[in-house]
Amino acid sequence: MAYTFTPPSVVRHSGEKHPLWGRMRLNYGVSLLKKDGLYRQVEGPTAEETAEADIYYIGGHVYAIAYSEGVDLIDAGYGEFVAWQQFYGTEIYGLGPYGGYDD
């Protein structure tokens, strides 16, 4: 079993005055950078920011993360974006690609 993390997103209004397109709302992924044990949210991080970060999560993606990183994210206040997952081929499903037991 492992954690998955989906970085937060922001809902933005299109800003148009058109009767149809003016109601459109879009989700934009927010990236999360970890440096020296502190997390910060960034919209559109630069290559330098991601290179300097210890760990980075680009918005709009789902990441499989280690248990310790999941605990750190929950402690930092991102618990609603962390999910506990049981991946196929583990635990009661056995080992191997199709759940068969490896001897």
Protein backbone atom coordinates (compact mmCIF):
# COMPACT_ATOMS: atom_id res chain seq x y z
CA MET A 1 0.00 0.00 0.00
CA ALA A 2 1.13 3.52 -0.68
CA TYR A 3 0.03 7.10 -0.80
CA THR A 4 -0.86 9.08 -3.89
CA PHE A 5 -0.67 12.85 -4.03
CA THR A 6 -2.54 15.16 -6.39
CA PRO A 7 -1.33 18.77 -6.06
CA PRO A 8 -4.01 21.39 -5.42
CA SER A 9 -5.77 23.25 -8.22
CA VAL A 10 -7.37 26.66 -8.64
CA VAL A 11 -10.69 27.29 -10.40
CA ARG A 12 -10.61 30.39 -12.58
CA HIS A 13 -13.39 32.24 -14.37
CA SER A 14 -12.86 32.88 -18.09
CA GLY A 15 -13.59 36.60 -17.61
CA GLU A 16 -15.44 37.02 -20.90
CA LYS A 17 -18.74 38.89 -21.23
CA HIS A 18 -20.15 36.33 -23.67
CA PRO A 19 -23.39 34.71 -22.37
CA LEU A 20 -22.10 31.17 -22.92
CA TRP A 21 -18.30 31.44 -22.63
CA GLY A 22 -18.59 33.88 -19.74
CA ARG A 23 -19.82 31.04 -17.49
CA MET A 24 -16.89 28.75 -18.28
CA ARG A 25 -14.64 27.83 -15.37
CA LEU A 26 -11.28 26.07 -15.71
CA ASN A 27 -9.13 24.15 -13.25
CA TYR A 28 -5.46 25.12 -13.19
CA GLY A 29 -2.95 22.88 -11.43
CA VAL A 30 -0.76 24.46 -8.77
CA SER A 31 2.75 23.05 -8.34
CA LEU A 32 4.20 22.28 -4.94
CA LEU A 33 7.90 22.67 -4.18
CA LYS A 34 9.65 21.29 -1.09
CA LYS A 35 12.94 22.83 -0.01
CA ASP A 36 14.59 22.36 3.40
CA GLY A 37 11.46 20.65 4.73
CA LEU A 38 9.10 23.51 3.80
CA TYR A 39 6.45 23.37 1.10
CA ARG A 40 5.34 26.27 -1.06
CA GLN A 41 2.79 26.56 -3.83
CA VAL A 42 3.83 27.97 -7.19
CA GLU A 43 1.88 28.53 -10.39
CA GLY A 44 4.18 27.79 -13.32
CA PRO A 45 7.51 27.11 -11.60
CA THR A 46 10.70 27.93 -13.48
CA ALA A 47 13.40 25.39 -14.27
CA GLU A 48 15.62 27.01 -11.65
CA GLU A 49 12.95 26.66 -8.96
CA THR A 50 12.43 22.98 -9.68
CA ALA A 51 16.19 22.36 -9.81
CA GLU A 52 16.69 24.01 -6.40
CA ALA A 53 13.81 22.12 -4.78
CA ASP A 54 14.40 18.88 -2.89
CA ILE A 55 11.12 17.49 -4.25
CA TYR A 56 8.61 19.05 -6.61
CA TYR A 57 5.11 18.07 -7.68
CA ILE A 58 3.85 19.63 -10.91
CA GLY A 59 0.16 20.52 -10.80
CA GLY A 60 -2.30 18.43 -12.77
CA HIS A 61 -0.53 15.10 -12.18
CA VAL A 62 -1.02 12.24 -9.71
CA TYR A 63 2.10 11.01 -7.91
CA ALA A 64 2.75 7.76 -6.06
CA ILE A 65 4.68 8.80 -2.95
CA ALA A 66 6.37 7.08 -0.04
CA TYR A 67 4.68 6.71 3.32
CA SER A 68 7.05 9.20 4.98
CA GLU A 69 6.41 11.83 2.29
CA GLY A 70 2.66 11.29 2.69
CA VAL A 71 2.94 11.90 6.43
CA ASP A 72 4.99 15.07 5.76
CA LEU A 73 2.37 16.37 3.33
CA ILE A 74 -0.45 15.65 5.77
CA ASP A 75 1.45 17.44 8.55
CA ALA A 76 2.01 20.42 6.24
CA GLY A 77 -1.76 20.78 5.70
CA TYR A 78 -2.14 18.99 2.35
CA GLY A 79 -4.05 16.03 3.79
CA GLU A 80 -7.06 16.50 1.52
CA PHE A 81 -4.82 15.95 -1.52
CA VAL A 82 -3.20 12.75 -0.17
CA ALA A 83 -4.98 9.43 -0.73
CA TRP A 84 -4.21 5.95 0.59
CA GLN A 85 -4.08 3.50 -2.32
CA GLN A 86 -3.76 -0.24 -2.58
CA PHE A 87 -2.08 -1.00 -5.87
CA TYR A 88 -2.83 -4.07 -7.95
CA GLY A 89 -0.49 -6.99 -7.34
CA THR A 90 0.09 -6.30 -3.65
CA GLU A 91 -1.27 -7.45 -0.30
CA ILE A 92 -4.21 -9.87 -0.67
CA TYR A 93 -3.76 -9.98 -4.46
CA GLY A 94 -0.36 -11.61 -4.09
CA LEU A 95 2.86 -10.78 -5.86
CA GLY A 96 3.64 -10.56 -9.54
CA PRO A 97 2.04 -8.71 -12.43
CA TYR A 98 -1.32 -10.49 -12.26
CA GLY A 99 -1.61 -11.15 -8.56
CA GLY A 100 -0.06 -14.62 -8.65
CA TYR A 101 2.23 -15.65 -5.82
CA ASP A 102 5.94 -15.74 -6.58
CA ASP A 103 7.65 -18.74 -4.99
